[in-house]
């Protein structure tokens, strides 16, 4: 009695195909880790008129808005802002003089939003930068290091909001410029120009 050899050959061919896929180079395999992030399409909530708002707090900058298209992981929102500095020098006798204003500085702040606060892919956010160190160590803009140089004011010229989900994976970057340096209080919407990527 002859035994059919077709079935064992079919099993061997299938096993060889599976083994070939398992040893395929990494760059030819499907990368599913990026599918979730790309499918989310994170953006500002509100459609074509979506925007963030800014408040100049004197020595810090705050921004707020709402995000849509998020997944189910924790979110980290970071604000980085560039500003011109106004400072005052004070000598040991208590006499004050305007300081030679230091070079523009960058201040940052971040807020973590747990996944439990994301509802239907949407969450509001609010983040404020940390104020710079003042007095400035070494009083570089004063007549000598024995003086004290205090930062009086930051006038913000631009800001970048970075959204990560999860932390370490950037899903949205919003770059904003201010048509005039900010002064204390809410930044007028007409002075803010932003683009997203």
N, C-alpha and C. Protein backbone atom coordinates (compact mmCIF):
# COMPACT_ATOMS: atom_id res chain seq x y z
N UNK A 1 0.83 -1.17 0.00
CA UNK A 1 0.00 0.00 0.00
C UNK A 1 0.88 1.23 0.00
N UNK A 2 0.62 2.16 -0.99
CA UNK A 2 1.41 3.37 -1.10
C UNK A 2 0.84 4.43 -0.17
N UNK A 3 1.73 5.18 0.51
CA UNK A 3 1.30 6.27 1.41
C UNK A 3 1.41 7.58 0.64
N UNK A 4 0.43 8.44 0.78
CA UNK A 4 0.51 9.73 0.07
C UNK A 4 1.63 10.59 0.67
N UNK A 5 2.45 11.15 -0.19
CA UNK A 5 3.56 11.98 0.29
C UNK A 5 3.24 13.48 0.17
N UNK A 6 2.10 13.81 -0.40
CA UNK A 6 1.75 15.21 -0.61
C UNK A 6 1.60 15.96 0.72
N UNK A 7 0.90 15.38 1.68
CA UNK A 7 0.65 16.06 2.96
C UNK A 7 1.94 16.33 3.73
N UNK A 8 2.85 15.38 3.90
CA UNK A 8 4.11 15.70 4.61
C UNK A 8 4.92 16.78 3.90
N UNK A 9 4.91 16.78 2.55
CA UNK A 9 5.64 17.83 1.81
C UNK A 9 5.03 19.19 2.05
N UNK A 10 3.71 19.27 2.13
CA UNK A 10 3.03 20.53 2.38
C UNK A 10 3.37 21.07 3.76
N UNK A 11 3.40 20.18 4.76
CA UNK A 11 3.76 20.59 6.12
C UNK A 11 5.19 21.12 6.15
N UNK A 12 6.12 20.44 5.47
CA UNK A 12 7.51 20.89 5.43
C UNK A 12 7.63 22.25 4.74
N UNK A 13 6.92 22.49 3.66
CA UNK A 13 6.98 23.77 2.95
C UNK A 13 6.46 24.91 3.84
N UNK A 14 5.37 24.65 4.56
CA UNK A 14 4.81 25.67 5.46
C UNK A 14 5.80 26.01 6.58
N UNK A 15 6.43 25.00 7.16
CA UNK A 15 7.40 25.21 8.24
C UNK A 15 8.60 26.01 7.72
N UNK A 16 9.04 25.73 6.51
CA UNK A 16 10.17 26.47 5.94
C UNK A 16 9.81 27.93 5.72
N UNK A 17 8.60 28.20 5.25
CA UNK A 17 8.16 29.58 5.03
C UNK A 17 8.10 30.36 6.34
N UNK A 18 7.60 29.73 7.39
CA UNK A 18 7.53 30.40 8.70
C UNK A 18 8.92 30.69 9.23
N UNK A 19 9.84 29.75 9.09
CA UNK A 19 11.20 29.94 9.57
C UNK A 19 11.88 31.05 8.80
N UNK A 20 11.62 31.16 7.50
CA UNK A 20 12.22 32.20 6.66
C UNK A 20 11.74 33.58 7.12
N UNK A 21 10.46 33.74 7.45
CA UNK A 21 9.94 35.03 7.92
C UNK A 21 10.53 35.40 9.27
N UNK A 22 10.69 34.42 10.14
CA UNK A 22 11.21 34.69 11.49
C UNK A 22 12.65 35.18 11.45
N UNK A 23 13.42 34.77 10.41
CA UNK A 23 14.81 35.18 10.32
C UNK A 23 15.01 36.32 9.34
N UNK A 24 13.94 36.93 8.85
CA UNK A 24 14.05 38.04 7.91
C UNK A 24 14.73 39.21 8.60
N UNK A 25 15.46 40.04 7.84
CA UNK A 25 16.12 41.20 8.44
C UNK A 25 15.09 42.11 9.10
N UNK A 26 15.51 42.80 10.17
CA UNK A 26 14.59 43.62 10.96
C UNK A 26 13.94 44.70 10.12
N UNK A 27 14.66 45.25 9.11
CA UNK A 27 14.09 46.35 8.36
C UNK A 27 13.00 45.91 7.38
N UNK A 28 12.86 44.59 7.12
CA UNK A 28 11.81 44.12 6.24
C UNK A 28 10.58 43.66 7.00
N UNK A 29 10.69 43.56 8.33
CA UNK A 29 9.53 43.17 9.13
C UNK A 29 8.64 44.38 9.38
N UNK A 30 7.38 44.14 9.58
CA UNK A 30 6.44 45.22 9.85
C UNK A 30 6.67 45.79 11.24
N UNK A 31 6.81 47.11 11.33
CA UNK A 31 7.02 47.77 12.62
C UNK A 31 5.66 48.22 13.15
N UNK A 32 5.10 47.46 14.07
CA UNK A 32 3.78 47.79 14.59
C UNK A 32 3.84 48.81 15.70
N UNK A 33 5.03 49.11 16.24
CA UNK A 33 5.10 50.06 17.35
C UNK A 33 4.73 51.47 16.89
N UNK A 34 4.98 51.79 15.61
CA UNK A 34 4.66 53.13 15.11
C UNK A 34 3.22 53.26 14.64
N UNK A 35 2.56 52.15 14.43
CA UNK A 35 1.20 52.23 13.89
C UNK A 35 0.26 52.96 14.84
N UNK A 36 0.38 52.69 16.13
CA UNK A 36 -0.53 53.31 17.09
C UNK A 36 -0.33 54.82 17.11
N UNK A 37 0.94 55.26 17.10
CA UNK A 37 1.22 56.70 17.17
C UNK A 37 0.76 57.38 15.90
N UNK A 38 1.09 56.82 14.72
CA UNK A 38 0.71 57.46 13.46
C UNK A 38 -0.79 57.50 13.28
N UNK A 39 -1.49 56.50 13.79
CA UNK A 39 -2.93 56.45 13.62
C UNK A 39 -3.64 57.49 14.49
N UNK A 40 -2.97 57.94 15.56
CA UNK A 40 -3.62 58.86 16.48
C UNK A 40 -3.85 60.23 15.89
N UNK A 41 -2.89 60.74 15.10
CA UNK A 41 -3.02 62.07 14.51
C UNK A 41 -3.37 63.11 15.57
N UNK A 42 -2.49 63.29 16.54
CA UNK A 42 -2.72 64.22 17.63
C UNK A 42 -2.74 65.65 17.09
N UNK A 43 -3.68 66.44 17.55
CA UNK A 43 -3.84 67.82 17.09
C UNK A 43 -4.55 68.64 18.17
N UNK A 44 -4.60 69.95 17.98
CA UNK A 44 -5.34 70.81 18.89
C UNK A 44 -6.83 70.63 18.65
N UNK A 45 -7.59 70.57 19.72
CA UNK A 45 -9.04 70.43 19.61
C UNK A 45 -9.63 71.75 19.13
N UNK A 46 -10.58 71.67 18.23
CA UNK A 46 -11.25 72.88 17.77
C UNK A 46 -11.21 73.10 16.28
N UNK A 47 -10.65 72.16 15.54
CA UNK A 47 -10.66 72.29 14.09
C UNK A 47 -9.74 73.38 13.57
N UNK A 48 -10.14 74.01 12.46
CA UNK A 48 -9.30 74.99 11.78
C UNK A 48 -9.00 76.21 12.66
N UNK A 49 -9.87 76.53 13.59
CA UNK A 49 -9.66 77.70 14.45
C UNK A 49 -9.02 77.36 15.79
N UNK A 50 -8.52 76.14 15.93
CA UNK A 50 -7.91 75.72 17.19
C UNK A 50 -6.67 76.57 17.48
N UNK A 51 -6.51 76.94 18.73
CA UNK A 51 -5.36 77.76 19.12
C UNK A 51 -5.06 77.53 20.59
N UNK A 52 -3.86 77.91 20.99
CA UNK A 52 -3.48 77.90 22.39
C UNK A 52 -3.45 79.34 22.86
N UNK A 53 -3.56 79.54 24.17
CA UNK A 53 -3.48 80.89 24.73
C UNK A 53 -2.23 80.99 25.60
N UNK A 54 -1.71 82.20 25.73
CA UNK A 54 -0.50 82.44 26.52
C UNK A 54 -0.74 83.56 27.52
N UNK A 55 -0.07 83.45 28.68
CA UNK A 55 -0.09 84.51 29.69
C UNK A 55 1.35 84.75 30.14
N UNK A 56 1.78 86.01 30.07
CA UNK A 56 3.09 86.42 30.56
C UNK A 56 2.94 86.74 32.04
N UNK A 57 3.61 85.94 32.89
CA UNK A 57 3.53 86.12 34.34
C UNK A 57 4.67 86.96 34.90
N UNK A 58 5.42 87.63 34.06
CA UNK A 58 6.56 88.42 34.50
C UNK A 58 7.86 87.67 34.33
N UNK A 59 8.03 86.60 35.11
CA UNK A 59 9.24 85.79 35.02
C UNK A 59 8.97 84.38 34.51
N UNK A 60 7.73 84.12 34.10
CA UNK A 60 7.38 82.82 33.53
C UNK A 60 6.29 83.02 32.48
N UNK A 61 6.10 82.00 31.65
CA UNK A 61 5.08 82.02 30.61
C UNK A 61 4.18 80.81 30.81
N UNK A 62 2.87 81.02 30.70
CA UNK A 62 1.89 79.92 30.80
C UNK A 62 1.18 79.76 29.47
N UNK A 63 0.82 78.53 29.16
CA UNK A 63 0.00 78.26 27.98
C UNK A 63 -1.06 77.23 28.33
N UNK A 64 -2.16 77.27 27.62
CA UNK A 64 -3.22 76.28 27.82
C UNK A 64 -3.95 76.05 26.51
N UNK A 65 -4.61 74.91 26.44
CA UNK A 65 -5.36 74.52 25.25
C UNK A 65 -5.96 73.16 25.48
N UNK A 66 -6.34 72.49 24.40
CA UNK A 66 -6.91 71.14 24.50
C UNK A 66 -6.38 70.31 23.34
N UNK A 67 -6.10 69.05 23.62
CA UNK A 67 -5.57 68.11 22.63
C UNK A 67 -6.62 67.09 22.24
N UNK A 68 -6.60 66.67 20.98
CA UNK A 68 -7.47 65.60 20.49
C UNK A 68 -6.64 64.59 19.72
N UNK A 69 -7.22 63.42 19.50
CA UNK A 69 -6.54 62.38 18.74
C UNK A 69 -5.54 61.58 19.55
N UNK A 70 -5.64 61.66 20.87
CA UNK A 70 -4.70 60.96 21.74
C UNK A 70 -5.04 59.48 21.86
N UNK A 71 -4.03 58.70 22.21
CA UNK A 71 -4.22 57.28 22.50
C UNK A 71 -4.47 57.07 23.98
N UNK A 72 -4.12 55.89 24.48
CA UNK A 72 -4.44 55.52 25.86
C UNK A 72 -3.25 55.56 26.80
N UNK A 73 -2.16 56.20 26.41
CA UNK A 73 -0.98 56.30 27.27
C UNK A 73 -0.95 57.64 28.00
N UNK A 74 -0.08 57.73 29.02
CA UNK A 74 0.14 59.01 29.68
C UNK A 74 0.70 60.02 28.68
N UNK A 75 0.46 61.31 28.95
CA UNK A 75 0.90 62.39 28.06
C UNK A 75 1.84 63.31 28.83
N UNK A 76 2.88 63.78 28.17
CA UNK A 76 3.79 64.77 28.75
C UNK A 76 3.79 65.98 27.82
N UNK A 77 3.40 67.15 28.36
CA UNK A 77 3.38 68.39 27.59
C UNK A 77 4.49 69.29 28.13
N UNK A 78 5.37 69.76 27.24
CA UNK A 78 6.49 70.61 27.64
C UNK A 78 6.40 71.95 26.92
N UNK A 79 6.61 73.02 27.66
CA UNK A 79 6.66 74.37 27.10
C UNK A 79 8.07 74.90 27.24
N UNK A 80 8.65 75.32 26.12
CA UNK A 80 9.97 75.94 26.10
C UNK A 80 9.80 77.33 25.51
N UNK A 81 10.26 78.38 26.21
CA UNK A 81 10.04 79.75 25.75
C UNK A 81 11.34 80.55 25.77
N UNK A 82 11.55 81.37 24.75
CA UNK A 82 12.72 82.22 24.65
C UNK A 82 12.30 83.64 25.04
N UNK A 83 13.19 84.33 25.79
CA UNK A 83 12.84 85.66 26.28
C UNK A 83 14.05 86.57 26.36
N UNK A 84 13.81 87.86 26.18
CA UNK A 84 14.81 88.89 26.46
C UNK A 84 14.71 89.22 27.94
N UNK A 85 15.84 89.60 28.54
CA UNK A 85 15.92 89.79 29.99
C UNK A 85 16.13 91.26 30.32
N UNK A 86 15.39 91.75 31.32
CA UNK A 86 15.64 93.06 31.91
C UNK A 86 16.10 92.84 33.34
N UNK A 87 17.23 93.47 33.71
CA UNK A 87 17.77 93.23 35.05
C UNK A 87 18.19 94.53 35.72
N UNK A 88 18.40 94.44 37.01
CA UNK A 88 18.86 95.58 37.82
C UNK A 88 20.07 95.15 38.63
N UNK A 89 21.08 96.04 38.69
CA UNK A 89 22.27 95.80 39.51
C UNK A 89 22.15 96.61 40.81
N UNK A 90 22.49 95.99 41.91
CA UNK A 90 22.47 96.66 43.22
C UNK A 90 23.83 96.46 43.88
N UNK A 91 24.46 97.60 44.30
CA UNK A 91 25.77 97.47 44.96
C UNK A 91 25.60 97.19 46.44
N UNK A 92 26.71 97.02 47.13
CA UNK A 92 26.64 96.65 48.55
C UNK A 92 26.03 97.75 49.41
N UNK A 93 26.02 98.99 48.89
CA UNK A 93 25.40 100.09 49.63
C UNK A 93 23.92 100.21 49.37
N UNK A 94 23.37 99.34 48.53
CA UNK A 94 21.93 99.37 48.23
C UNK A 94 21.56 100.27 47.07
N UNK A 95 22.56 100.87 46.42
CA UNK A 95 22.28 101.71 45.26
C UNK A 95 22.02 100.83 44.04
N UNK A 96 20.99 101.20 43.26
CA UNK A 96 20.61 100.42 42.09
C UNK A 96 20.98 101.14 40.80
N UNK A 97 21.27 100.35 39.80
CA UNK A 97 21.54 100.86 38.47
C UNK A 97 21.05 99.81 37.47
N UNK A 98 20.60 100.28 36.31
CA UNK A 98 20.19 99.29 35.31
C UNK A 98 21.36 98.39 34.96
N UNK A 99 21.09 97.11 34.87
CA UNK A 99 22.15 96.16 34.50
C UNK A 99 22.32 96.10 33.00
N UNK A 100 23.49 95.64 32.57
CA UNK A 100 23.64 95.32 31.16
C UNK A 100 22.88 94.01 30.96
N UNK A 101 21.78 94.10 30.25
CA UNK A 101 20.87 92.96 30.19
C UNK A 101 21.56 91.74 29.60
N UNK A 102 21.42 90.61 30.27
CA UNK A 102 22.05 89.38 29.78
C UNK A 102 21.48 88.96 28.42
N UNK A 103 22.15 88.02 27.81
CA UNK A 103 21.67 87.47 26.54
C UNK A 103 20.30 86.84 26.75
N UNK A 104 19.53 86.74 25.67
CA UNK A 104 18.22 86.06 25.80
C UNK A 104 18.38 84.68 26.42
N UNK A 105 17.38 84.27 27.17
CA UNK A 105 17.43 82.97 27.83
C UNK A 105 16.24 82.11 27.41
N UNK A 106 16.34 80.83 27.70
CA UNK A 106 15.25 79.89 27.46
C UNK A 106 14.81 79.31 28.80
N UNK A 107 13.51 79.34 29.04
CA UNK A 107 12.94 78.74 30.25
C UNK A 107 11.98 77.64 29.83
N UNK A 108 11.84 76.62 30.66
CA UNK A 108 10.98 75.49 30.31
C UNK A 108 10.11 75.08 31.49
N UNK A 109 9.09 74.33 31.18
CA UNK A 109 8.21 73.73 32.18
C UNK A 109 7.47 72.59 31.53
N UNK A 110 6.97 71.66 32.32
CA UNK A 110 6.22 70.54 31.76
C UNK A 110 5.15 70.08 32.73
N UNK A 111 4.17 69.38 32.19
CA UNK A 111 3.10 68.80 32.99
C UNK A 111 2.83 67.39 32.46
N UNK A 112 2.66 66.45 33.38
CA UNK A 112 2.31 65.07 33.02
C UNK A 112 0.81 64.89 33.20
N UNK A 113 0.18 64.31 32.20
CA UNK A 113 -1.26 64.05 32.24
C UNK A 113 -1.46 62.54 32.21
N UNK A 114 -2.01 61.95 33.28
CA UNK A 114 -2.20 60.49 33.29
C UNK A 114 -3.25 60.06 32.27
N UNK A 115 -3.11 58.85 31.79
CA UNK A 115 -4.04 58.31 30.79
C UNK A 115 -5.48 58.35 31.28
N UNK A 116 -5.68 58.25 32.60
CA UNK A 116 -7.04 58.24 33.16
C UNK A 116 -7.78 59.56 32.93
N UNK A 117 -7.05 60.64 32.64
CA UNK A 117 -7.70 61.93 32.40
C UNK A 117 -8.05 62.17 30.93
N UNK A 118 -7.65 61.25 30.07
CA UNK A 118 -7.96 61.38 28.64
C UNK A 118 -9.34 60.78 28.39
N UNK A 119 -10.25 61.57 27.88
CA UNK A 119 -11.61 61.12 27.60
C UNK A 119 -11.88 61.19 26.09
N UNK A 120 -12.19 60.05 25.50
CA UNK A 120 -12.45 59.97 24.06
C UNK A 120 -11.32 60.61 23.25
N UNK A 121 -10.07 60.38 23.67
CA UNK A 121 -8.91 60.89 22.95
C UNK A 121 -8.63 62.36 23.15
N UNK A 122 -9.32 62.99 24.11
CA UNK A 122 -9.21 64.44 24.31
C UNK A 122 -8.85 64.77 25.75
N UNK A 123 -8.03 65.81 25.93
CA UNK A 123 -7.73 66.31 27.27
C UNK A 123 -7.31 67.77 27.20
N UNK A 124 -7.71 68.58 28.18
CA UNK A 124 -7.17 69.93 28.26
C UNK A 124 -5.76 69.88 28.86
N UNK A 125 -4.99 70.94 28.65
CA UNK A 125 -3.67 71.02 29.28
C UNK A 125 -3.37 72.46 29.66
N UNK A 126 -2.54 72.61 30.66
CA UNK A 126 -2.05 73.92 31.09
C UNK A 126 -0.66 73.71 31.65
N UNK A 127 0.31 74.48 31.17
CA UNK A 127 1.69 74.31 31.61
C UNK A 127 2.35 75.68 31.75
N UNK A 128 3.22 75.81 32.75
CA UNK A 128 3.93 77.07 33.03
C UNK A 128 5.42 76.80 33.12
N UNK A 129 6.22 77.70 32.56
CA UNK A 129 7.67 77.55 32.65
C UNK A 129 8.14 77.86 34.07
N UNK A 130 9.29 77.35 34.40
CA UNK A 130 9.93 77.65 35.68
C UNK A 130 10.66 78.98 35.54
N UNK A 131 10.55 79.85 36.55
CA UNK A 131 11.23 81.14 36.53
C UNK A 131 12.74 80.94 36.56
N UNK A 132 13.51 81.83 35.94
CA UNK A 132 14.96 81.69 35.95
C UNK A 132 15.53 81.99 37.34
N UNK A 133 16.76 81.57 37.55
CA UNK A 133 17.44 81.83 38.81
C UNK A 133 17.75 83.32 38.93
N UNK A 134 17.31 83.92 40.02
CA UNK A 134 17.61 85.33 40.29
C UNK A 134 17.84 85.49 41.79
N UNK A 135 18.83 86.25 42.24
CA UNK A 135 19.81 86.98 41.43
C UNK A 135 20.67 86.05 40.58
N UNK A 136 21.24 86.65 39.52
CA UNK A 136 22.07 85.89 38.61
C UNK A 136 23.44 85.67 39.27
N UNK A 137 23.86 84.41 39.41
CA UNK A 137 25.16 84.13 40.05
C UNK A 137 26.31 84.86 39.34
N UNK A 138 27.14 85.53 40.12
CA UNK A 138 28.31 86.22 39.57
C UNK A 138 28.02 87.59 39.00
N UNK A 139 26.74 88.01 38.94
CA UNK A 139 26.33 89.33 38.44
C UNK A 139 27.08 89.72 37.16
N UNK A 140 26.95 88.93 36.08
CA UNK A 140 27.76 89.18 34.87
C UNK A 140 27.46 90.51 34.20
N UNK A 141 26.28 91.09 34.41
CA UNK A 141 25.95 92.35 33.75
C UNK A 141 26.18 93.57 34.62
N UNK A 142 26.84 93.41 35.76
CA UNK A 142 27.09 94.51 36.70
C UNK A 142 28.58 94.88 36.70
N UNK A 143 28.91 96.05 37.33
CA UNK A 143 30.31 96.51 37.32
C UNK A 143 31.31 95.51 37.88
N UNK A 144 30.92 94.74 38.90
CA UNK A 144 31.82 93.70 39.41
C UNK A 144 30.99 92.64 40.13
N UNK A 145 31.59 91.49 40.43
CA UNK A 145 30.85 90.37 41.03
C UNK A 145 30.33 90.64 42.44
N UNK A 146 30.78 91.74 43.08
CA UNK A 146 30.28 92.06 44.41
C UNK A 146 28.88 92.66 44.38
N UNK A 147 28.43 93.06 43.20
CA UNK A 147 27.08 93.59 43.04
C UNK A 147 26.10 92.41 42.98
N UNK A 148 24.82 92.72 43.11
CA UNK A 148 23.76 91.72 42.93
C UNK A 148 22.97 92.07 41.68
N UNK A 149 22.82 91.10 40.80
CA UNK A 149 22.05 91.33 39.57
C UNK A 149 20.75 90.53 39.62
N UNK A 150 19.64 91.23 39.68
CA UNK A 150 18.32 90.60 39.76
C UNK A 150 17.59 90.70 38.43
N UNK A 151 16.91 89.64 38.06
CA UNK A 151 16.08 89.66 36.85
C UNK A 151 14.74 90.28 37.22
N UNK A 152 14.39 91.38 36.53
CA UNK A 152 13.13 92.07 36.81
C UNK A 152 12.00 91.60 35.91
N UNK A 153 12.34 91.26 34.69
CA UNK A 153 11.30 91.03 33.69
C UNK A 153 11.82 90.13 32.58
N UNK A 154 10.94 89.29 32.06
CA UNK A 154 11.22 88.53 30.85
C UNK A 154 10.21 88.97 29.80
N UNK A 155 10.69 89.30 28.61
CA UNK A 155 9.82 89.64 27.48
C UNK A 155 9.94 88.49 26.48
N UNK A 156 8.90 87.68 26.37
CA UNK A 156 8.97 86.46 25.57
C UNK A 156 8.81 86.77 24.08
N UNK A 157 9.63 86.10 23.27
CA UNK A 157 9.62 86.32 21.83
C UNK A 157 9.12 85.11 21.05
N UNK A 158 9.24 83.92 21.63
CA UNK A 158 8.76 82.71 20.95
C UNK A 158 8.58 81.59 21.97
N UNK A 159 7.84 80.57 21.55
CA UNK A 159 7.57 79.43 22.45
C UNK A 159 7.34 78.17 21.61
N UNK A 160 7.69 77.04 22.18
CA UNK A 160 7.46 75.74 21.54
C UNK A 160 6.78 74.81 22.53
N UNK A 161 5.68 74.22 22.11
CA UNK A 161 4.95 73.23 22.91
C UNK A 161 5.20 71.86 22.28
N UNK A 162 5.70 70.93 23.10
CA UNK A 162 5.96 69.58 22.62
C UNK A 162 5.08 68.60 23.38
N UNK A 163 4.36 67.75 22.63
CA UNK A 163 3.47 66.76 23.23
C UNK A 163 4.08 65.38 22.99
N UNK A 164 4.25 64.61 24.07
CA UNK A 164 4.76 63.25 23.96
C UNK A 164 3.73 62.27 24.48
N UNK A 165 3.55 61.17 23.76
CA UNK A 165 2.66 60.10 24.23
C UNK A 165 3.13 58.78 23.65
N UNK A 166 3.67 57.89 24.50
CA UNK A 166 4.05 58.11 25.90
C UNK A 166 5.30 58.98 25.94
N UNK A 167 5.79 59.27 27.15
CA UNK A 167 7.00 60.09 27.31
C UNK A 167 8.12 59.49 26.47
N UNK A 168 8.79 60.33 25.70
CA UNK A 168 9.85 59.87 24.81
C UNK A 168 9.43 59.76 23.37
N UNK A 169 8.12 59.76 23.10
CA UNK A 169 7.61 59.68 21.73
C UNK A 169 6.86 60.97 21.41
N UNK A 170 7.47 61.85 20.60
CA UNK A 170 6.86 63.13 20.25
C UNK A 170 5.75 62.89 19.22
N UNK A 171 4.53 63.34 19.54
CA UNK A 171 3.39 63.17 18.64
C UNK A 171 2.88 64.50 18.10
N UNK A 172 3.33 65.62 18.68
CA UNK A 172 2.90 66.94 18.19
C UNK A 172 3.88 67.99 18.67
N UNK A 173 4.24 68.89 17.78
CA UNK A 173 5.06 70.05 18.12
C UNK A 173 4.36 71.30 17.61
N UNK A 174 4.17 72.28 18.48
CA UNK A 174 3.54 73.54 18.10
C UNK A 174 4.57 74.64 18.32
N UNK A 175 4.97 75.32 17.24
CA UNK A 175 5.95 76.39 17.31
C UNK A 175 5.24 77.73 17.14
N UNK A 176 5.45 78.63 18.11
CA UNK A 176 4.76 79.93 18.11
C UNK A 176 5.76 81.07 18.19
N UNK A 177 5.45 82.15 17.50
CA UNK A 177 6.22 83.38 17.62
C UNK A 177 5.27 84.50 18.01
N UNK A 178 5.82 85.50 18.70
CA UNK A 178 5.03 86.66 19.12
C UNK A 178 5.49 87.85 18.29
N UNK A 179 4.54 88.54 17.65
CA UNK A 179 4.90 89.63 16.74
C UNK A 179 5.57 90.79 17.46
N UNK A 180 5.32 90.92 18.76
CA UNK A 180 6.02 91.88 19.60
C UNK A 180 6.35 91.15 20.90
N UNK A 181 7.48 91.46 21.53
CA UNK A 181 7.78 90.81 22.81
C UNK A 181 6.63 91.01 23.80
N UNK A 182 6.37 89.99 24.59
CA UNK A 182 5.24 90.04 25.52
C UNK A 182 5.51 90.98 26.67
N UNK A 183 4.44 91.44 27.30
CA UNK A 183 4.53 92.19 28.57
C UNK A 183 3.52 91.53 29.50
N UNK A 184 3.58 91.85 30.77
CA UNK A 184 2.76 91.16 31.76
C UNK A 184 1.30 91.07 31.35
N UNK A 185 0.72 89.89 31.56
CA UNK A 185 -0.69 89.67 31.29
C UNK A 185 -0.91 88.76 30.11
N UNK A 186 -2.17 88.64 29.71
CA UNK A 186 -2.54 87.79 28.59
C UNK A 186 -1.92 88.31 27.30
N UNK A 187 -1.39 87.39 26.49
CA UNK A 187 -0.81 87.76 25.21
C UNK A 187 -1.95 87.85 24.19
N UNK A 188 -2.14 89.01 23.55
CA UNK A 188 -3.24 89.15 22.58
C UNK A 188 -3.13 88.11 21.47
N UNK A 189 -4.26 87.49 21.13
CA UNK A 189 -4.26 86.43 20.12
C UNK A 189 -3.70 86.92 18.79
N UNK A 190 -3.95 88.19 18.45
CA UNK A 190 -3.46 88.69 17.17
C UNK A 190 -1.94 88.83 17.13
N UNK A 191 -1.29 88.74 18.29
CA UNK A 191 0.18 88.81 18.35
C UNK A 191 0.84 87.44 18.29
N UNK A 192 0.03 86.38 18.23
CA UNK A 192 0.56 85.01 18.27
C UNK A 192 0.37 84.35 16.92
N UNK A 193 1.45 83.77 16.40
CA UNK A 193 1.40 83.01 15.16
C UNK A 193 2.02 81.64 15.41
N UNK A 194 1.23 80.57 15.18
CA UNK A 194 1.70 79.21 15.49
C UNK A 194 1.60 78.29 14.27
N UNK A 195 2.46 77.30 14.25
CA UNK A 195 2.37 76.23 13.26
C UNK A 195 2.60 74.90 13.97
N UNK A 196 1.98 73.84 13.43
CA UNK A 196 2.06 72.52 14.05
C UNK A 196 2.78 71.54 13.15
N UNK A 197 3.46 70.59 13.77
CA UNK A 197 4.08 69.52 12.99
C UNK A 197 4.08 68.24 13.82
